[in-house]
Amino acid sequence: HSGNVSVTESDDGGARFDVSGIDV
């Protein structure tokens, strides 16, 4: 989708995946 995905820590201490580059 010409996008990218990255992983960080969520505000609750779990995993957070950000999928960017896809029109929203």
PDB file of all heavy atoms in Angstrom:
ATOM      1  N   HIS A   1       0.830  -1.210   0.000  1.00  0.00           N
ATOM      2  CA  HIS A   1       0.000   0.000   0.000  1.00  0.00           C
ATOM      3  C   HIS A   1       0.864   1.260   0.000  1.00  0.00           C
ATOM      4  O   HIS A   1       0.371   2.356   0.287  1.00  0.00           O
ATOM      5  CB  HIS A   1      -0.923   0.031   1.225  1.00  0.00           C
ATOM      6  CG  HIS A   1      -2.073  -0.920   1.145  1.00  0.00           C
ATOM      7  ND1 HIS A   1      -1.942  -2.277   1.386  1.00  0.00           N
ATOM      8  CD2 HIS A   1      -3.391  -0.718   0.823  1.00  0.00           C
ATOM      9  CE1 HIS A   1      -3.123  -2.860   1.247  1.00  0.00           C
ATOM     10  NE2 HIS A   1      -4.028  -1.934   0.906  1.00  0.00           N
ATOM     11  N   SER A   2       2.158   1.105  -0.323  1.00  0.00           N
ATOM     12  CA  SER A   2       3.119   2.217  -0.301  1.00  0.00           C
ATOM     13  C   SER A   2       3.258   2.792   1.096  1.00  0.00           C
ATOM     14  O   SER A   2       3.538   3.987   1.273  1.00  0.00           O
ATOM     15  CB  SER A   2       2.702   3.325  -1.286  1.00  0.00           C
ATOM     16  OG  SER A   2       2.637   2.828  -2.596  1.00  0.00           O
ATOM     17  N   GLY A   3       3.050   1.939   2.103  1.00  0.00           N
ATOM     18  CA  GLY A   3       3.143   2.384   3.486  1.00  0.00           C
ATOM     19  C   GLY A   3       4.304   1.735   4.218  1.00  0.00           C
ATOM     20  O   GLY A   3       5.150   1.051   3.641  1.00  0.00           O
ATOM     21  N   ASN A   4       4.322   1.952   5.537  1.00  0.00           N
ATOM     22  CA  ASN A   4       5.384   1.420   6.375  1.00  0.00           C
ATOM     23  C   ASN A   4       4.783   1.088   7.738  1.00  0.00           C
ATOM     24  O   ASN A   4       3.757   1.648   8.132  1.00  0.00           O
ATOM     25  CB  ASN A   4       6.502   2.459   6.519  1.00  0.00           C
ATOM     26  CG  ASN A   4       7.701   1.901   7.262  1.00  0.00           C
ATOM     27  OD1 ASN A   4       8.079   0.756   7.045  1.00  0.00           O
ATOM     28  ND2 ASN A   4       8.288   2.698   8.145  1.00  0.00           N
ATOM     29  N   VAL A   5       5.430   0.186   8.460  1.00  0.00           N
ATOM     30  CA  VAL A   5       4.951  -0.195   9.779  1.00  0.00           C
ATOM     31  C   VAL A   5       6.119  -0.149  10.760  1.00  0.00           C
ATOM     32  O   VAL A   5       7.236  -0.553  10.431  1.00  0.00           O
ATOM     33  CB  VAL A   5       4.295  -1.596   9.759  1.00  0.00           C
ATOM     34  CG1 VAL A   5       5.280  -2.658   9.308  1.00  0.00           C
ATOM     35  CG2 VAL A   5       3.702  -1.935  11.126  1.00  0.00           C
ATOM     36  N   SER A   6       5.850   0.408  11.932  1.00  0.00           N
ATOM     37  CA  SER A   6       6.872   0.492  12.978  1.00  0.00           C
ATOM     38  C   SER A   6       6.244   0.082  14.304  1.00  0.00           C
ATOM     39  O   SER A   6       5.017   0.093  14.468  1.00  0.00           O
ATOM     40  CB  SER A   6       7.434   1.910  13.067  1.00  0.00           C
ATOM     41  OG  SER A   6       6.410   2.847  13.360  1.00  0.00           O
ATOM     42  N   VAL A   7       7.096  -0.286  15.279  1.00  0.00           N
ATOM     43  CA  VAL A   7       6.601  -0.756  16.564  1.00  0.00           C
ATOM     44  C   VAL A   7       7.244   0.057  17.678  1.00  0.00           C
ATOM     45  O   VAL A   7       8.427   0.377  17.635  1.00  0.00           O
ATOM     46  CB  VAL A   7       6.874  -2.265  16.751  1.00  0.00           C
ATOM     47  CG1 VAL A   7       8.358  -2.571  16.698  1.00  0.00           C
ATOM     48  CG2 VAL A   7       6.256  -2.764  18.058  1.00  0.00           C
ATOM     49  N   THR A   8       6.408   0.454  18.633  1.00  0.00           N
ATOM     50  CA  THR A   8       6.883   1.151  19.826  1.00  0.00           C
ATOM     51  C   THR A   8       6.135   0.576  21.024  1.00  0.00           C
ATOM     52  O   THR A   8       5.425  -0.422  20.912  1.00  0.00           O
ATOM     53  CB  THR A   8       6.607   2.673  19.730  1.00  0.00           C
ATOM     54  OG1 THR A   8       5.209   2.878  19.580  1.00  0.00           O
ATOM     55  CG2 THR A   8       7.346   3.289  18.547  1.00  0.00           C
ATOM     56  N   GLU A   9       6.300   1.229  22.143  1.00  0.00           N
ATOM     57  CA  GLU A   9       5.573   0.817  23.342  1.00  0.00           C
ATOM     58  C   GLU A   9       4.301   1.633  23.455  1.00  0.00           C
ATOM     59  O   GLU A   9       4.303   2.848  23.241  1.00  0.00           O
ATOM     60  CB  GLU A   9       6.444   1.031  24.584  1.00  0.00           C
ATOM     61  CG  GLU A   9       5.756   0.586  25.879  1.00  0.00           C
ATOM     62  CD  GLU A   9       6.656   0.748  27.087  1.00  0.00           C
ATOM     63  OE1 GLU A   9       7.891   0.710  26.903  1.00  0.00           O
ATOM     64  OE2 GLU A   9       6.132   0.944  28.191  1.00  0.00           O
ATOM     65  N   SER A  10       3.189   1.002  23.777  1.00  0.00           N
ATOM     66  CA  SER A  10       1.923   1.712  23.925  1.00  0.00           C
ATOM     67  C   SER A  10       1.894   2.451  25.254  1.00  0.00           C
ATOM     68  O   SER A  10       2.745   2.235  26.132  1.00  0.00           O
ATOM     69  CB  SER A  10       0.755   0.729  23.844  1.00  0.00           C
ATOM     70  OG  SER A  10       0.709  -0.079  25.018  1.00  0.00           O
ATOM     71  N   ASP A  11       0.919   3.326  25.431  1.00  0.00           N
ATOM     72  CA  ASP A  11       0.789   4.067  26.688  1.00  0.00           C
ATOM     73  C   ASP A  11       0.530   3.144  27.863  1.00  0.00           C
ATOM     74  O   ASP A  11       0.804   3.491  29.014  1.00  0.00           O
ATOM     75  CB  ASP A  11      -0.350   5.082  26.579  1.00  0.00           C
ATOM     76  CG  ASP A  11       0.003   6.236  25.654  1.00  0.00           C
ATOM     77  OD1 ASP A  11       1.191   6.344  25.274  1.00  0.00           O
ATOM     78  OD2 ASP A  11      -0.898   7.026  25.295  1.00  0.00           O
ATOM     79  N   ASP A  12      -0.021   1.945  27.580  1.00  0.00           N
ATOM     80  CA  ASP A  12      -0.319   0.980  28.648  1.00  0.00           C
ATOM     81  C   ASP A  12       0.813  -0.008  28.859  1.00  0.00           C
ATOM     82  O   ASP A  12       0.645  -0.993  29.593  1.00  0.00           O
ATOM     83  CB  ASP A  12      -1.602   0.221  28.320  1.00  0.00           C
ATOM     84  CG  ASP A  12      -2.811   1.150  28.272  1.00  0.00           C
ATOM     85  OD1 ASP A  12      -2.909   2.015  29.163  1.00  0.00           O
ATOM     86  OD2 ASP A  12      -3.628   1.037  27.335  1.00  0.00           O
ATOM     87  N   GLY A  13       1.956   0.196  28.210  1.00  0.00           N
ATOM     88  CA  GLY A  13       3.096  -0.684  28.399  1.00  0.00           C
ATOM     89  C   GLY A  13       3.146  -1.855  27.455  1.00  0.00           C
ATOM     90  O   GLY A  13       4.077  -2.657  27.508  1.00  0.00           O
ATOM     91  N   GLY A  14       2.146  -1.997  26.596  1.00  0.00           N
ATOM     92  CA  GLY A  14       2.146  -3.094  25.641  1.00  0.00           C
ATOM     93  C   GLY A  14       2.828  -2.697  24.330  1.00  0.00           C
ATOM     94  O   GLY A  14       3.677  -1.799  24.295  1.00  0.00           O
ATOM     95  N   ALA A  15       2.427  -3.359  23.264  1.00  0.00           N
ATOM     96  CA  ALA A  15       3.012  -3.084  21.946  1.00  0.00           C
ATOM     97  C   ALA A  15       2.079  -2.165  21.160  1.00  0.00           C
ATOM     98  O   ALA A  15       0.858  -2.280  21.242  1.00  0.00           O
ATOM     99  CB  ALA A  15       3.245  -4.382  21.186  1.00  0.00           C
ATOM    100  N   ARG A  16       2.692  -1.262  20.417  1.00  0.00           N
ATOM    101  CA  ARG A  16       1.912  -0.379  19.541  1.00  0.00           C
ATOM    102  C   ARG A  16       2.534  -0.424  18.148  1.00  0.00           C
ATOM    103  O   ARG A  16       3.724  -0.159  17.965  1.00  0.00           O
ATOM    104  CB  ARG A  16       1.917   1.047  20.062  1.00  0.00           C
ATOM    105  CG  ARG A  16       1.279   2.045  19.081  1.00  0.00           C
ATOM    106  CD  ARG A  16       1.382   3.461  19.595  1.00  0.00           C
ATOM    107  NE  ARG A  16       1.048   4.409  18.549  1.00  0.00           N
ATOM    108  CZ  ARG A  16       0.052   5.274  18.596  1.00  0.00           C
ATOM    109  NH1 ARG A  16      -0.742   5.294  19.647  1.00  0.00           N
ATOM    110  NH2 ARG A  16      -0.155   6.124  17.609  1.00  0.00           N
ATOM    111  N   PHE A  17       1.708  -0.765  17.155  1.00  0.00           N
ATOM    112  CA  PHE A  17       2.143  -0.801  15.758  1.00  0.00           C
ATOM    113  C   PHE A  17       1.514   0.383  15.027  1.00  0.00           C
ATOM    114  O   PHE A  17       0.285   0.530  15.012  1.00  0.00           O
ATOM    115  CB  PHE A  17       1.716  -2.119  15.100  1.00  0.00           C
ATOM    116  CG  PHE A  17       2.437  -3.314  15.650  1.00  0.00           C
ATOM    117  CD1 PHE A  17       1.946  -3.991  16.772  1.00  0.00           C
ATOM    118  CD2 PHE A  17       3.615  -3.764  15.068  1.00  0.00           C
ATOM    119  CE1 PHE A  17       2.613  -5.093  17.286  1.00  0.00           C
ATOM    120  CE2 PHE A  17       4.282  -4.874  15.578  1.00  0.00           C
ATOM    121  CZ  PHE A  17       3.789  -5.532  16.689  1.00  0.00           C
ATOM    122  N   ASP A  18       2.362   1.230  14.443  1.00  0.00           N
ATOM    123  CA  ASP A  18       1.902   2.364  13.639  1.00  0.00           C
ATOM    124  C   ASP A  18       2.080   2.025  12.167  1.00  0.00           C
ATOM    125  O   ASP A  18       3.202   1.770  11.711  1.00  0.00           O
ATOM    126  CB  ASP A  18       2.703   3.626  13.962  1.00  0.00           C
ATOM    127  CG  ASP A  18       2.328   4.220  15.305  1.00  0.00           C
ATOM    128  OD1 ASP A  18       1.281   3.824  15.841  1.00  0.00           O
ATOM    129  OD2 ASP A  18       3.085   5.074  15.812  1.00  0.00           O
ATOM    130  N   VAL A  19       0.966   2.011  11.449  1.00  0.00           N
ATOM    131  CA  VAL A  19       0.993   1.766  10.002  1.00  0.00           C
ATOM    132  C   VAL A  19       0.795   3.127   9.326  1.00  0.00           C
ATOM    133  O   VAL A  19      -0.302   3.690   9.355  1.00  0.00           O
ATOM    134  CB  VAL A  19      -0.104   0.772   9.574  1.00  0.00           C
ATOM    135  CG1 VAL A  19      -0.014   0.516   8.071  1.00  0.00           C
ATOM    136  CG2 VAL A  19       0.031  -0.535  10.358  1.00  0.00           C
ATOM    137  N   SER A  20       1.851   3.669   8.740  1.00  0.00           N
ATOM    138  CA  SER A  20       1.801   5.009   8.143  1.00  0.00           C
ATOM    139  C   SER A  20       1.924   4.921   6.624  1.00  0.00           C
ATOM    140  O   SER A  20       2.342   3.910   6.073  1.00  0.00           O
ATOM    141  CB  SER A  20       2.929   5.880   8.710  1.00  0.00           C
ATOM    142  OG  SER A  20       4.193   5.284   8.441  1.00  0.00           O
ATOM    143  N   GLY A  21       1.548   6.019   5.948  1.00  0.00           N
ATOM    144  CA  GLY A  21       1.668   6.077   4.492  1.00  0.00           C
ATOM    145  C   GLY A  21       0.432   5.603   3.760  1.00  0.00           C
ATOM    146  O   GLY A  21       0.424   5.548   2.529  1.00  0.00           O
ATOM    147  N   ILE A  22      -0.623   5.245   4.485  1.00  0.00           N
ATOM    148  CA  ILE A  22      -1.886   4.834   3.869  1.00  0.00           C
ATOM    149  C   ILE A  22      -2.899   5.949   4.102  1.00  0.00           C
ATOM    150  O   ILE A  22      -3.078   6.411   5.229  1.00  0.00           O
ATOM    151  CB  ILE A  22      -2.397   3.507   4.465  1.00  0.00           C
ATOM    152  CG1 ILE A  22      -1.377   2.390   4.208  1.00  0.00           C
ATOM    153  CG2 ILE A  22      -3.747   3.137   3.875  1.00  0.00           C
ATOM    154  CD1 ILE A  22      -1.780   1.050   4.777  1.00  0.00           C
ATOM    155  N   ASP A  23      -3.542   6.403   3.050  1.00  0.00           N
ATOM    156  CA  ASP A  23      -4.477   7.514   3.160  1.00  0.00           C
ATOM    157  C   ASP A  23      -5.618   7.178   4.115  1.00  0.00           C
ATOM    158  O   ASP A  23      -6.242   6.115   4.018  1.00  0.00           O
ATOM    159  CB  ASP A  23      -5.058   7.874   1.789  1.00  0.00           C
ATOM    160  CG  ASP A  23      -4.006   8.498   0.884  1.00  0.00           C
ATOM    161  OD1 ASP A  23      -3.016   9.020   1.422  1.00  0.00           O
ATOM    162  OD2 ASP A  23      -4.186   8.450  -0.345  1.00  0.00           O
ATOM    163  N   VAL A  24      -5.889   8.118   5.038  1.00  0.00           N
ATOM    164  CA  VAL A  24      -6.927   7.948   6.052  1.00  0.00           C
ATOM    165  C   VAL A  24      -7.896   9.115   5.970  1.00  0.00           C
ATOM    166  O   VAL A  24      -7.487  10.268   5.803  1.00  0.00           O
ATOM    167  CB  VAL A  24      -6.311   7.866   7.465  1.00  0.00           C
ATOM    168  CG1 VAL A  24      -7.396   7.957   8.530  1.00  0.00           C
ATOM    169  CG2 VAL A  24      -5.530   6.578   7.626  1.00  0.00           C
TER     170      VAL A  24
END
